[in-house]
PDB file of all heavy atoms in Angstrom:
ATOM      1  N   ARG A   1      27.556 -51.533  22.160  1.00  0.00           N
ATOM      2  CA  ARG A   1      26.301 -51.250  22.861  1.00  0.00           C
ATOM      3  C   ARG A   1      25.476 -52.567  22.643  1.00  0.00           C
ATOM      4  O   ARG A   1      25.447 -53.070  21.497  1.00  0.00           O
ATOM      5  CB  ARG A   1      25.608 -50.175  22.010  1.00  0.00           C
ATOM      6  CG  ARG A   1      24.165 -49.835  22.480  1.00  0.00           C
ATOM      7  CD  ARG A   1      23.545 -48.559  21.594  1.00  0.00           C
ATOM      8  NE  ARG A   1      23.501 -49.107  20.351  1.00  0.00           N
ATOM      9  CZ  ARG A   1      22.399 -49.694  19.677  1.00  0.00           C
ATOM     10  NH1 ARG A   1      21.392 -50.041  20.495  1.00  0.00           N
ATOM     11  NH2 ARG A   1      22.364 -49.982  18.393  1.00  0.00           N
ATOM     12  N   PRO A   2      24.859 -53.105  23.623  1.00  0.00           N
ATOM     13  CA  PRO A   2      24.099 -54.308  23.530  1.00  0.00           C
ATOM     14  C   PRO A   2      22.991 -54.078  22.635  1.00  0.00           C
ATOM     15  O   PRO A   2      22.225 -52.868  22.748  1.00  0.00           O
ATOM     16  CB  PRO A   2      23.789 -54.707  24.915  1.00  0.00           C
ATOM     17  CG  PRO A   2      23.852 -53.395  25.800  1.00  0.00           C
ATOM     18  CD  PRO A   2      24.941 -52.572  25.095  1.00  0.00           C
ATOM     19  N   LYS A   3      22.581 -55.076  21.803  1.00  0.00           N
ATOM     20  CA  LYS A   3      21.282 -54.882  21.114  1.00  0.00           C
ATOM     21  C   LYS A   3      20.041 -55.055  21.842  1.00  0.00           C
ATOM     22  O   LYS A   3      19.989 -55.807  22.922  1.00  0.00           O
ATOM     23  CB  LYS A   3      21.247 -56.046  20.077  1.00  0.00           C
ATOM     24  CG  LYS A   3      22.333 -55.984  19.076  1.00  0.00           C
ATOM     25  CD  LYS A   3      22.172 -57.022  18.061  1.00  0.00           C
ATOM     26  CE  LYS A   3      23.390 -56.927  16.967  1.00  0.00           C
ATOM     27  NZ  LYS A   3      23.224 -57.977  15.964  1.00  0.00           N
ATOM     28  N   SER A   4      19.055 -54.244  21.497  1.00  0.00           N
ATOM     29  CA  SER A   4      17.923 -54.174  22.284  1.00  0.00           C
ATOM     30  C   SER A   4      16.927 -55.403  21.912  1.00  0.00           C
ATOM     31  O   SER A   4      17.351 -56.134  20.870  1.00  0.00           O
ATOM     32  CB  SER A   4      17.060 -52.847  22.011  1.00  0.00           C
ATOM     33  OG  SER A   4      16.656 -52.972  20.585  1.00  0.00           O
ATOM     34  N   ALA A   5      15.983 -55.702  22.641  1.00  0.00           N
ATOM     35  CA  ALA A   5      15.143 -56.853  22.445  1.00  0.00           C
ATOM     36  C   ALA A   5      14.527 -56.673  21.113  1.00  0.00           C
ATOM     37  O   ALA A   5      14.411 -57.706  20.361  1.00  0.00           O
ATOM     38  CB  ALA A   5      14.097 -57.123  23.606  1.00  0.00           C
ATOM     39  N   ALA A   6      14.078 -55.525  20.739  1.00  0.00           N
ATOM     40  CA  ALA A   6      13.396 -55.242  19.402  1.00  0.00           C
ATOM     41  C   ALA A   6      14.306 -55.440  18.188  1.00  0.00           C
ATOM     42  O   ALA A   6      13.872 -56.116  17.221  1.00  0.00           O
ATOM     43  CB  ALA A   6      12.940 -53.815  19.402  1.00  0.00           C
ATOM     44  N   GLU A   7      15.587 -55.208  18.478  1.00  0.00           N
ATOM     45  CA  GLU A   7      16.587 -55.426  17.380  1.00  0.00           C
ATOM     46  C   GLU A   7      16.667 -57.053  17.076  1.00  0.00           C
ATOM     47  O   GLU A   7      16.818 -57.543  16.041  1.00  0.00           O
ATOM     48  CB  GLU A   7      17.940 -54.761  17.580  1.00  0.00           C
ATOM     49  CG  GLU A   7      17.893 -53.228  17.466  1.00  0.00           C
ATOM     50  CD  GLU A   7      19.255 -52.680  17.782  1.00  0.00           C
ATOM     51  OE1 GLU A   7      19.605 -52.806  18.974  1.00  0.00           O
ATOM     52  OE2 GLU A   7      19.825 -52.065  16.874  1.00  0.00           O
ATOM     53  N   ARG A   8      16.861 -57.701  18.259  1.00  0.00           N
ATOM     54  CA  ARG A   8      17.165 -59.168  18.190  1.00  0.00           C
ATOM     55  C   ARG A   8      15.794 -59.906  17.677  1.00  0.00           C
ATOM     56  O   ARG A   8      16.005 -60.738  16.822  1.00  0.00           O
ATOM     57  CB  ARG A   8      17.437 -59.698  19.517  1.00  0.00           C
ATOM     58  CG  ARG A   8      18.741 -59.270  20.139  1.00  0.00           C
ATOM     59  CD  ARG A   8      19.196 -60.076  21.210  1.00  0.00           C
ATOM     60  NE  ARG A   8      18.308 -59.856  22.455  1.00  0.00           N
ATOM     61  CZ  ARG A   8      18.494 -58.910  23.532  1.00  0.00           C
ATOM     62  NH1 ARG A   8      19.504 -58.231  23.451  1.00  0.00           N
ATOM     63  NH2 ARG A   8      17.531 -58.799  24.372  1.00  0.00           N
ATOM     64  N   LYS A   9      14.589 -59.416  17.954  1.00  0.00           N
ATOM     65  CA  LYS A   9      13.465 -60.010  17.403  1.00  0.00           C
ATOM     66  C   LYS A   9      13.277 -59.783  15.896  1.00  0.00           C
ATOM     67  O   LYS A   9      12.933 -60.532  15.005  1.00  0.00           O
ATOM     68  CB  LYS A   9      12.205 -59.478  18.040  1.00  0.00           C
ATOM     69  CG  LYS A   9      11.993 -60.131  19.338  1.00  0.00           C
ATOM     70  CD  LYS A   9      10.776 -59.529  20.096  1.00  0.00           C
ATOM     71  CE  LYS A   9      10.648 -60.203  21.557  1.00  0.00           C
ATOM     72  NZ  LYS A   9       9.540 -59.730  22.296  1.00  0.00           N
ATOM     73  N   ARG A  10      13.792 -58.498  15.401  1.00  0.00           N
ATOM     74  CA  ARG A  10      13.825 -58.090  14.049  1.00  0.00           C
ATOM     75  C   ARG A  10      14.711 -58.936  13.238  1.00  0.00           C
ATOM     76  O   ARG A  10      14.385 -59.522  12.278  1.00  0.00           O
ATOM     77  CB  ARG A  10      14.077 -56.674  13.869  1.00  0.00           C
ATOM     78  CG  ARG A  10      14.181 -56.180  12.457  1.00  0.00           C
ATOM     79  CD  ARG A  10      14.449 -54.638  12.360  1.00  0.00           C
ATOM     80  NE  ARG A  10      14.571 -54.361  11.069  1.00  0.00           N
ATOM     81  CZ  ARG A  10      15.708 -54.326  10.324  1.00  0.00           C
ATOM     82  NH1 ARG A  10      16.742 -54.883  10.814  1.00  0.00           N
ATOM     83  NH2 ARG A  10      15.837 -54.002   9.083  1.00  0.00           N
ATOM     84  N   GLU A  11      15.915 -59.303  13.830  1.00  0.00           N
ATOM     85  CA  GLU A  11      16.856 -60.165  13.219  1.00  0.00           C
ATOM     86  C   GLU A  11      16.268 -61.581  13.119  1.00  0.00           C
ATOM     87  O   GLU A  11      16.604 -62.210  12.142  1.00  0.00           O
ATOM     88  CB  GLU A  11      18.285 -60.112  14.020  1.00  0.00           C
ATOM     89  CG  GLU A  11      18.996 -58.887  13.820  1.00  0.00           C
ATOM     90  CD  GLU A  11      20.278 -58.961  14.490  1.00  0.00           C
ATOM     91  OE1 GLU A  11      20.507 -59.907  15.192  1.00  0.00           O
ATOM     92  OE2 GLU A  11      21.200 -58.138  14.336  1.00  0.00           O
ATOM     93  N   CYS A  12      15.604 -61.918  14.176  1.00  0.00           N
ATOM     94  CA  CYS A  12      15.061 -63.297  14.072  1.00  0.00           C
ATOM     95  C   CYS A  12      14.012 -63.389  13.017  1.00  0.00           C
ATOM     96  O   CYS A  12      14.003 -64.400  12.219  1.00  0.00           O
ATOM     97  CB  CYS A  12      14.416 -63.606  15.420  1.00  0.00           C
ATOM     98  SG  CYS A  12      13.752 -65.329  15.620  1.00  0.00           S
ATOM     99  N   ARG A  13      13.222 -62.402  12.797  1.00  0.00           N
ATOM    100  CA  ARG A  13      12.129 -62.458  11.683  1.00  0.00           C
ATOM    101  C   ARG A  13      12.852 -62.434  10.375  1.00  0.00           C
ATOM    102  O   ARG A  13      12.335 -62.897   9.350  1.00  0.00           O
ATOM    103  CB  ARG A  13      11.086 -61.314  11.905  1.00  0.00           C
ATOM    104  CG  ARG A  13      10.138 -61.620  12.943  1.00  0.00           C
ATOM    105  CD  ARG A  13       9.014 -60.548  12.943  1.00  0.00           C
ATOM    106  NE  ARG A  13       9.018 -60.053  14.407  1.00  0.00           N
ATOM    107  CZ  ARG A  13       9.293 -58.773  14.725  1.00  0.00           C
ATOM    108  NH1 ARG A  13       9.621 -57.924  13.757  1.00  0.00           N
ATOM    109  NH2 ARG A  13       9.166 -58.422  15.860  1.00  0.00           N
ATOM    110  N   LEU A  14      13.955 -61.567  10.251  1.00  0.00           N
ATOM    111  CA  LEU A  14      14.611 -61.552   8.978  1.00  0.00           C
ATOM    112  C   LEU A  14      15.196 -62.858   8.450  1.00  0.00           C
ATOM    113  O   LEU A  14      15.287 -63.067   7.147  1.00  0.00           O
ATOM    114  CB  LEU A  14      15.749 -60.650   9.055  1.00  0.00           C
ATOM    115  CG  LEU A  14      15.434 -59.052   8.971  1.00  0.00           C
ATOM    116  CD1 LEU A  14      16.719 -58.141   9.230  1.00  0.00           C
ATOM    117  CD2 LEU A  14      14.736 -58.702   7.833  1.00  0.00           C
ATOM    118  N   VAL A  15      15.562 -63.829   9.261  1.00  0.00           N
ATOM    119  CA  VAL A  15      15.928 -65.011   8.845  1.00  0.00           C
ATOM    120  C   VAL A  15      14.888 -66.146   8.926  1.00  0.00           C
ATOM    121  O   VAL A  15      15.068 -67.366   8.801  1.00  0.00           O
ATOM    122  CB  VAL A  15      17.108 -65.513   9.821  1.00  0.00           C
ATOM    123  CG1 VAL A  15      18.310 -64.757   9.550  1.00  0.00           C
ATOM    124  CG2 VAL A  15      16.805 -65.633  11.196  1.00  0.00           C
ATOM    125  N   ARG A  16      13.599 -65.639   9.068  1.00  0.00           N
ATOM    126  CA  ARG A  16      12.398 -66.359   9.020  1.00  0.00           C
ATOM    127  C   ARG A  16      12.390 -67.375  10.219  1.00  0.00           C
ATOM    128  O   ARG A  16      12.027 -68.566  10.037  1.00  0.00           O
ATOM    129  CB  ARG A  16      12.180 -67.185   7.683  1.00  0.00           C
ATOM    130  CG  ARG A  16      12.053 -66.373   6.564  1.00  0.00           C
ATOM    131  CD  ARG A  16      11.786 -67.089   5.356  1.00  0.00           C
ATOM    132  NE  ARG A  16      11.628 -66.190   4.206  1.00  0.00           N
ATOM    133  CZ  ARG A  16      11.654 -66.456   2.947  1.00  0.00           C
ATOM    134  NH1 ARG A  16      11.967 -67.637   2.672  1.00  0.00           N
ATOM    135  NH2 ARG A  16      11.445 -65.684   2.123  1.00  0.00           N
ATOM    136  N   GLY A  17      12.691 -66.827  11.441  1.00  0.00           N
ATOM    137  CA  GLY A  17      12.646 -67.545  12.644  1.00  0.00           C
ATOM    138  C   GLY A  17      11.591 -67.098  13.469  1.00  0.00           C
ATOM    139  O   GLY A  17      10.785 -66.325  13.097  1.00  0.00           O
ATOM    140  N   ALA A  18      11.466 -67.856  14.599  1.00  0.00           N
ATOM    141  CA  ALA A  18      10.462 -67.545  15.561  1.00  0.00           C
ATOM    142  C   ALA A  18      10.994 -67.588  17.072  1.00  0.00           C
ATOM    143  O   ALA A  18      11.738 -68.516  17.280  1.00  0.00           O
ATOM    144  CB  ALA A  18       9.190 -68.596  15.417  1.00  0.00           C
ATOM    145  N   CYS A  19      10.576 -66.702  17.787  1.00  0.00           N
ATOM    146  CA  CYS A  19      11.018 -66.724  19.285  1.00  0.00           C
ATOM    147  C   CYS A  19      10.118 -67.591  19.987  1.00  0.00           C
ATOM    148  O   CYS A  19       8.798 -67.393  20.153  1.00  0.00           O
ATOM    149  CB  CYS A  19      10.940 -65.402  19.734  1.00  0.00           C
ATOM    150  SG  CYS A  19      12.095 -64.120  18.986  1.00  0.00           S
ATOM    151  N   LYS A  20      10.596 -68.801  20.483  1.00  0.00           N
ATOM    152  CA  LYS A  20       9.805 -69.881  21.177  1.00  0.00           C
ATOM    153  C   LYS A  20      10.536 -70.136  22.429  1.00  0.00           C
ATOM    154  O   LYS A  20      11.645 -69.742  22.786  1.00  0.00           O
ATOM    155  CB  LYS A  20       9.587 -71.068  20.305  1.00  0.00           C
ATOM    156  CG  LYS A  20       9.027 -70.756  18.966  1.00  0.00           C
ATOM    157  CD  LYS A  20       8.500 -72.015  18.427  1.00  0.00           C
ATOM    158  CE  LYS A  20       9.604 -72.679  17.447  1.00  0.00           C
ATOM    159  NZ  LYS A  20       9.131 -73.887  16.787  1.00  0.00           N
ATOM    160  N   ALA A  21       9.711 -70.934  23.299  1.00  0.00           N
ATOM    161  CA  ALA A  21      10.284 -71.389  24.527  1.00  0.00           C
ATOM    162  C   ALA A  21      11.533 -72.398  24.369  1.00  0.00           C
ATOM    163  O   ALA A  21      12.569 -72.346  24.944  1.00  0.00           O
ATOM    164  CB  ALA A  21       9.179 -72.017  25.405  1.00  0.00           C
ATOM    165  N   GLU A  22      11.308 -73.265  23.357  1.00  0.00           N
ATOM    166  CA  GLU A  22      12.386 -74.168  23.047  1.00  0.00           C
ATOM    167  C   GLU A  22      12.320 -74.600  21.475  1.00  0.00           C
ATOM    168  O   GLU A  22      11.190 -74.482  20.892  1.00  0.00           O
ATOM    169  CB  GLU A  22      12.528 -75.398  23.773  1.00  0.00           C
ATOM    170  CG  GLU A  22      11.219 -76.211  23.703  1.00  0.00           C
ATOM    171  CD  GLU A  22      11.285 -77.511  24.696  1.00  0.00           C
ATOM    172  OE1 GLU A  22      11.764 -77.330  25.724  1.00  0.00           O
ATOM    173  OE2 GLU A  22      10.885 -78.559  24.290  1.00  0.00           O
ATOM    174  N   CYS A  23      13.366 -74.995  20.883  1.00  0.00           N
ATOM    175  CA  CYS A  23      13.384 -75.290  19.505  1.00  0.00           C
ATOM    176  C   CYS A  23      13.074 -76.815  19.269  1.00  0.00           C
ATOM    177  O   CYS A  23      13.479 -77.646  20.166  1.00  0.00           O
ATOM    178  CB  CYS A  23      14.770 -74.981  18.867  1.00  0.00           C
ATOM    179  SG  CYS A  23      15.154 -73.185  18.895  1.00  0.00           S
ATOM    180  N   ASN A  24      12.510 -77.120  18.247  1.00  0.00           N
ATOM    181  CA  ASN A  24      12.256 -78.574  17.772  1.00  0.00           C
ATOM    182  C   ASN A  24      13.618 -79.202  17.259  1.00  0.00           C
ATOM    183  O   ASN A  24      14.559 -78.421  17.041  1.00  0.00           O
ATOM    184  CB  ASN A  24      11.204 -78.724  16.771  1.00  0.00           C
ATOM    185  CG  ASN A  24       9.812 -78.126  17.419  1.00  0.00           C
ATOM    186  OD1 ASN A  24       9.571 -78.447  18.524  1.00  0.00           O
ATOM    187  ND2 ASN A  24       9.167 -77.402  16.549  1.00  0.00           N
TER     188      ASN A  24
END
């Protein structure tokens, strides 16, 4: 089952990341 957008954003926050247009 593909992960939902909410699950992917939650995983991103767990590793102290941010969803941005591009990475520095």
